[in-house]
C-alpha atoms as a PDB file:
ATOM      1  CA  MET A   1      -9.163  25.241  14.962  1.00  0.00           C
ATOM      2  CA  ARG A   2     -10.808  28.071  13.063  1.00  0.00           C
ATOM      3  CA  LYS A   3     -11.473  27.695   9.379  1.00  0.00           C
ATOM      4  CA  GLU A   4      -9.673  30.295   7.275  1.00  0.00           C
ATOM      5  CA  SER A   5     -11.808  32.111   4.691  1.00  0.00           C
ATOM      6  CA  ILE A   6     -11.023  31.727   0.992  1.00  0.00           C
ATOM      7  CA  PRO A   7      -9.970  35.400   0.575  1.00  0.00           C
ATOM      8  CA  ASN A   8      -7.652  35.129   3.605  1.00  0.00           C
ATOM      9  CA  LYS A   9      -6.215  31.830   2.356  1.00  0.00           C
ATOM     10  CA  THR A  10      -5.634  33.359  -1.084  1.00  0.00           C
ATOM     11  CA  LEU A  11      -3.922  36.415   0.428  1.00  0.00           C
ATOM     12  CA  ARG A  12      -1.709  34.104   2.524  1.00  0.00           C
ATOM     13  CA  ILE A  13      -0.737  32.025  -0.528  1.00  0.00           C
ATOM     14  CA  LEU A  14       0.076  35.124  -2.586  1.00  0.00           C
ATOM     15  CA  GLY A  15       1.735  37.033   0.257  1.00  0.00           C
ATOM     16  CA  THR A  16       4.050  34.126   1.003  1.00  0.00           C
ATOM     17  CA  GLY A  17       4.988  33.769  -2.656  1.00  0.00           C
ATOM     18  CA  PHE A  18       3.156  30.472  -3.093  1.00  0.00           C
ATOM     19  CA  GLY A  19       4.816  29.236   0.093  1.00  0.00           C
ATOM     20  CA  THR A  20       8.407  30.275  -0.670  1.00  0.00           C
ATOM     21  CA  GLY A  21       8.226  32.573   2.349  1.00  0.00           C
ATOM     22  CA  TYR A  22       8.133  29.489   4.558  1.00  0.00           C
ATOM     23  CA  SER A  23      11.680  28.587   3.494  1.00  0.00           C
ATOM     24  CA  PRO A  24      13.595  27.811   6.698  1.00  0.00           C
ATOM     25  CA  LEU A  25      16.680  29.593   5.336  1.00  0.00           C
ATOM     26  CA  PHE A  26      16.618  33.019   3.725  1.00  0.00           C
ATOM     27  CA  PRO A  27      12.924  33.380   2.828  1.00  0.00           C
ATOM     28  CA  GLY A  28      13.602  36.778   1.219  1.00  0.00           C
ATOM     29  CA  THR A  29      16.104  35.192  -1.118  1.00  0.00           C
ATOM     30  CA  ALA A  30      13.615  32.421  -1.916  1.00  0.00           C
ATOM     31  CA  GLY A  31      11.002  35.078  -2.704  1.00  0.00           C
ATOM     32  CA  THR A  32      13.438  36.912  -4.966  1.00  0.00           C
ATOM     33  CA  LEU A  33      14.190  33.652  -6.793  1.00  0.00           C
ATOM     34  CA  LEU A  34      10.446  33.293  -7.380  1.00  0.00           C
ATOM     35  CA  GLY A  35      10.563  36.562  -9.324  1.00  0.00           C
ATOM     36  CA  ILE A  36      12.985  35.129 -11.901  1.00  0.00           C
ATOM     37  CA  PRO A  37      10.541  32.877 -13.784  1.00  0.00           C
ATOM     38  CA  PHE A  38       7.972  35.681 -13.854  1.00  0.00           C
ATOM     39  CA  PHE A  39      10.595  37.967 -15.370  1.00  0.00           C
ATOM     40  CA  LEU A  40      11.700  35.362 -17.915  1.00  0.00           C
ATOM     41  CA  VAL A  41       8.097  34.872 -19.086  1.00  0.00           C
ATOM     42  CA  LEU A  42       7.261  38.587 -19.182  1.00  0.00           C
ATOM     43  CA  ALA A  43      10.505  40.071 -20.566  1.00  0.00           C
ATOM     44  CA  PRO A  44       9.872  38.951 -24.171  1.00  0.00           C
ATOM     45  CA  LEU A  45       6.484  40.704 -24.003  1.00  0.00           C
ATOM     46  CA  GLY A  46       8.189  44.046 -23.362  1.00  0.00           C
ATOM     47  CA  THR A  47       8.869  46.439 -20.517  1.00  0.00           C
ATOM     48  CA  LEU A  48       5.289  47.739 -20.401  1.00  0.00           C
ATOM     49  CA  SER A  49       3.930  44.225 -19.829  1.00  0.00           C
ATOM     50  CA  LEU A  50       6.500  43.657 -17.097  1.00  0.00           C
ATOM     51  CA  LEU A  51       5.641  46.958 -15.419  1.00  0.00           C
ATOM     52  CA  LEU A  52       1.894  46.311 -15.625  1.00  0.00           C
ATOM     53  CA  PHE A  53       2.371  42.885 -14.045  1.00  0.00           C
ATOM     54  CA  THR A  54       4.648  44.421 -11.396  1.00  0.00           C
ATOM     55  CA  GLY A  55       1.915  46.948 -10.631  1.00  0.00           C
ATOM     56  CA  LEU A  56      -0.545  44.095 -10.171  1.00  0.00           C
ATOM     57  CA  VAL A  57       1.890  42.319  -7.834  1.00  0.00           C
ATOM     58  CA  VAL A  58       2.304  45.548  -5.850  1.00  0.00           C
ATOM     59  CA  LEU A  59      -1.454  45.996  -5.551  1.00  0.00           C
ATOM     60  CA  ILE A  60      -1.991  42.403  -4.432  1.00  0.00           C
ATOM     61  CA  GLY A  61       1.055  42.661  -2.176  1.00  0.00           C
ATOM     62  CA  PHE A  62      -0.277  45.768  -0.475  1.00  0.00           C
ATOM     63  CA  PHE A  63      -3.393  43.887   0.644  1.00  0.00           C
ATOM     64  CA  ALA A  64      -1.782  40.479   1.201  1.00  0.00           C
ATOM     65  CA  SER A  65       1.144  41.746   3.267  1.00  0.00           C
ATOM     66  CA  GLY A  66      -1.044  44.082   5.303  1.00  0.00           C
ATOM     67  CA  SER A  67      -3.472  41.260   6.004  1.00  0.00           C
ATOM     68  CA  LEU A  68      -0.714  38.846   7.032  1.00  0.00           C
ATOM     69  CA  GLU A  69       1.003  41.444   9.205  1.00  0.00           C
ATOM     70  CA  GLU A  70      -2.275  42.094  11.004  1.00  0.00           C
ATOM     71  CA  GLU A  71      -3.122  38.394  11.312  1.00  0.00           C
ATOM     72  CA  LEU A  72       0.311  37.493  12.709  1.00  0.00           C
ATOM     73  CA  ASN A  73       0.514  40.671  14.816  1.00  0.00           C
ATOM     74  CA  THR A  74       4.144  41.105  13.728  1.00  0.00           C
ATOM     75  CA  LYS A  75       5.710  43.980  11.787  1.00  0.00           C
ATOM     76  CA  ASP A  76       6.873  42.748   8.363  1.00  0.00           C
ATOM     77  CA  PRO A  77       6.930  39.006   9.143  1.00  0.00           C
ATOM     78  CA  GLY A  78       9.622  37.078   7.274  1.00  0.00           C
ATOM     79  CA  ILE A  79       7.109  34.787   5.574  1.00  0.00           C
ATOM     80  CA  ILE A  80       5.882  37.719   3.452  1.00  0.00           C
ATOM     81  CA  VAL A  81       7.902  37.651   0.228  1.00  0.00           C
ATOM     82  CA  ILE A  82       5.558  39.141  -2.372  1.00  0.00           C
ATOM     83  CA  ASP A  83       7.458  42.379  -1.781  1.00  0.00           C
ATOM     84  CA  GLU A  84      10.695  40.690  -2.906  1.00  0.00           C
ATOM     85  CA  VAL A  85       8.983  39.490  -6.086  1.00  0.00           C
ATOM     86  CA  ALA A  86       7.812  43.039  -6.843  1.00  0.00           C
ATOM     87  CA  GLY A  87      11.198  44.560  -6.012  1.00  0.00           C
ATOM     88  CA  TYR A  88      13.044  42.101  -8.238  1.00  0.00           C
ATOM     89  CA  LEU A  89      10.638  42.645 -11.131  1.00  0.00           C
ATOM     90  CA  LEU A  90      11.124  46.410 -10.838  1.00  0.00           C
ATOM     91  CA  THR A  91      14.905  45.881 -10.810  1.00  0.00           C
ATOM     92  CA  MET A  92      14.646  43.998 -14.075  1.00  0.00           C
ATOM     93  CA  ALA A  93      12.426  46.481 -15.970  1.00  0.00           C
ATOM     94  CA  GLY A  94      13.972  47.145 -19.358  1.00  0.00           C
ATOM     95  CA  SER A  95      16.545  44.363 -19.077  1.00  0.00           C
ATOM     96  CA  PRO A  96      16.947  41.548 -21.569  1.00  0.00           C
ATOM     97  CA  ALA A  97      16.193  38.028 -20.347  1.00  0.00           C
ATOM     98  CA  ASP A  98      19.773  36.784 -20.407  1.00  0.00           C
ATOM     99  CA  ALA A  99      21.769  35.100 -17.652  1.00  0.00           C
ATOM    100  CA  ARG A 100      24.040  38.112 -16.992  1.00  0.00           C
ATOM    101  CA  HIS A 101      21.126  40.449 -16.335  1.00  0.00           C
ATOM    102  CA  VAL A 102      19.101  37.929 -14.348  1.00  0.00           C
ATOM    103  CA  ILE A 103      22.046  37.149 -12.052  1.00  0.00           C
ATOM    104  CA  ALA A 104      23.285  40.731 -11.712  1.00  0.00           C
ATOM    105  CA  GLY A 105      19.749  41.957 -11.011  1.00  0.00           C
ATOM    106  CA  PHE A 106      19.259  39.237  -8.402  1.00  0.00           C
ATOM    107  CA  PHE A 107      22.410  40.122  -6.486  1.00  0.00           C
ATOM    108  CA  LEU A 108      21.909  43.875  -6.788  1.00  0.00           C
ATOM    109  CA  PHE A 109      18.352  43.649  -5.516  1.00  0.00           C
ATOM    110  CA  ARG A 110      19.305  41.374  -2.602  1.00  0.00           C
ATOM    111  CA  PHE A 111      22.164  43.761  -1.724  1.00  0.00           C
ATOM    112  CA  PHE A 112      19.903  46.810  -1.505  1.00  0.00           C
ATOM    113  CA  ASP A 113      17.066  44.889   0.130  1.00  0.00           C
ATOM    114  CA  ILE A 114      19.395  43.718   2.906  1.00  0.00           C
ATOM    115  CA  LEU A 115      21.427  46.940   3.235  1.00  0.00           C
ATOM    116  CA  LYS A 116      18.323  49.179   3.163  1.00  0.00           C
ATOM    117  CA  PRO A 117      20.033  52.518   2.408  1.00  0.00           C
ATOM    118  CA  PHE A 118      18.128  55.753   3.001  1.00  0.00           C
ATOM    119  CA  PRO A 119      15.177  56.099   2.418  1.00  0.00           C
ATOM    120  CA  VAL A 120      14.505  52.336   2.152  1.00  0.00           C
ATOM    121  CA  ARG A 121      14.663  51.608   5.896  1.00  0.00           C
ATOM    122  CA  LYS A 122      12.770  54.823   6.684  1.00  0.00           C
ATOM    123  CA  ALA A 123       9.877  53.795   4.431  1.00  0.00           C
ATOM    124  CA  GLU A 124       9.641  50.460   6.219  1.00  0.00           C
ATOM    125  CA  GLU A 125       9.635  52.197   9.617  1.00  0.00           C
ATOM    126  CA  VAL A 126       7.269  55.070   8.818  1.00  0.00           C
ATOM    127  CA  LEU A 127       4.658  53.616   6.483  1.00  0.00           C
ATOM    128  CA  PRO A 128       2.055  51.360   8.090  1.00  0.00           C
ATOM    129  CA  GLY A 129       1.162  47.789   7.143  1.00  0.00           C
ATOM    130  CA  GLY A 130       1.310  46.704   3.543  1.00  0.00           C
ATOM    131  CA  ALA A 131       2.426  50.153   2.372  1.00  0.00           C
ATOM    132  CA  GLY A 132       5.664  49.943   4.367  1.00  0.00           C
ATOM    133  CA  ILE A 133       6.290  46.319   3.489  1.00  0.00           C
ATOM    134  CA  MET A 134       5.912  46.912  -0.240  1.00  0.00           C
ATOM    135  CA  THR A 135       7.502  50.367  -0.474  1.00  0.00           C
ATOM    136  CA  ASP A 136      10.829  49.443   1.088  1.00  0.00           C
ATOM    137  CA  ASP A 137      11.363  46.684  -1.478  1.00  0.00           C
ATOM    138  CA  LEU A 138      10.261  48.892  -4.342  1.00  0.00           C
ATOM    139  CA  LEU A 139      12.796  51.505  -3.260  1.00  0.00           C
ATOM    140  CA  ALA A 140      15.478  48.809  -2.983  1.00  0.00           C
ATOM    141  CA  GLY A 141      14.415  47.690  -6.469  1.00  0.00           C
ATOM    142  CA  GLY A 142      14.815  51.266  -7.695  1.00  0.00           C
ATOM    143  CA  TYR A 143      18.383  51.431  -6.377  1.00  0.00           C
ATOM    144  CA  ALA A 144      19.132  48.024  -7.918  1.00  0.00           C
ATOM    145  CA  TRP A 145      17.570  49.104 -11.248  1.00  0.00           C
ATOM    146  CA  LEU A 146      19.815  52.186 -11.366  1.00  0.00           C
ATOM    147  CA  CYS A 147      22.926  50.146 -10.538  1.00  0.00           C
ATOM    148  CA  LEU A 148      22.009  47.535 -13.134  1.00  0.00           C
ATOM    149  CA  ARG A 149      21.869  50.291 -15.767  1.00  0.00           C
ATOM    150  CA  ILE A 150      25.359  51.430 -14.670  1.00  0.00           C
ATOM    151  CA  VAL A 151      26.645  47.838 -14.811  1.00  0.00           C
ATOM    152  CA  GLU A 152      25.244  47.566 -18.355  1.00  0.00           C
ATOM    153  CA  ILE A 153      27.214  50.651 -19.413  1.00  0.00           C
ATOM    154  CA  LEU A 154      30.459  49.761 -17.666  1.00  0.00           C
ATOM    155  CA  VAL A 155      30.565  45.965 -17.873  1.00  0.00           C
ATOM    156  CA  PHE A 156      28.064  44.442 -20.288  1.00  0.00           C
END
């Protein structure tokens, strides 16, 4: 058994969302749920803080997901969920930390992440490694963000 280096172990821990990606059922949903406490902590600090943290998650995710994809020799392995965390956080940018927004944002993000409307699926197919893994969820998060703004106007 080969010993895994500390940087590789760290990238695996982060890329799998502290292990939530190993969930036997719906790892993407588990990863999205992991984004909720981050949002609830960051939302009171303001949208800029949330976006800066999201940028950090994206940067880490780019390297972590690319490393895991290469290590596992599988395109976008299901255990990688840092992209769901980033996508959910982007969805929630500018939202208050109340139950309605948290729940609506969760379901909207999961909807677009699973449906993968154009150009979400295309980004995943065309961009290599970590870039494709992260970009498709950021695009899904963008769609969800826009729909959440519409829901705020029409419903909330």
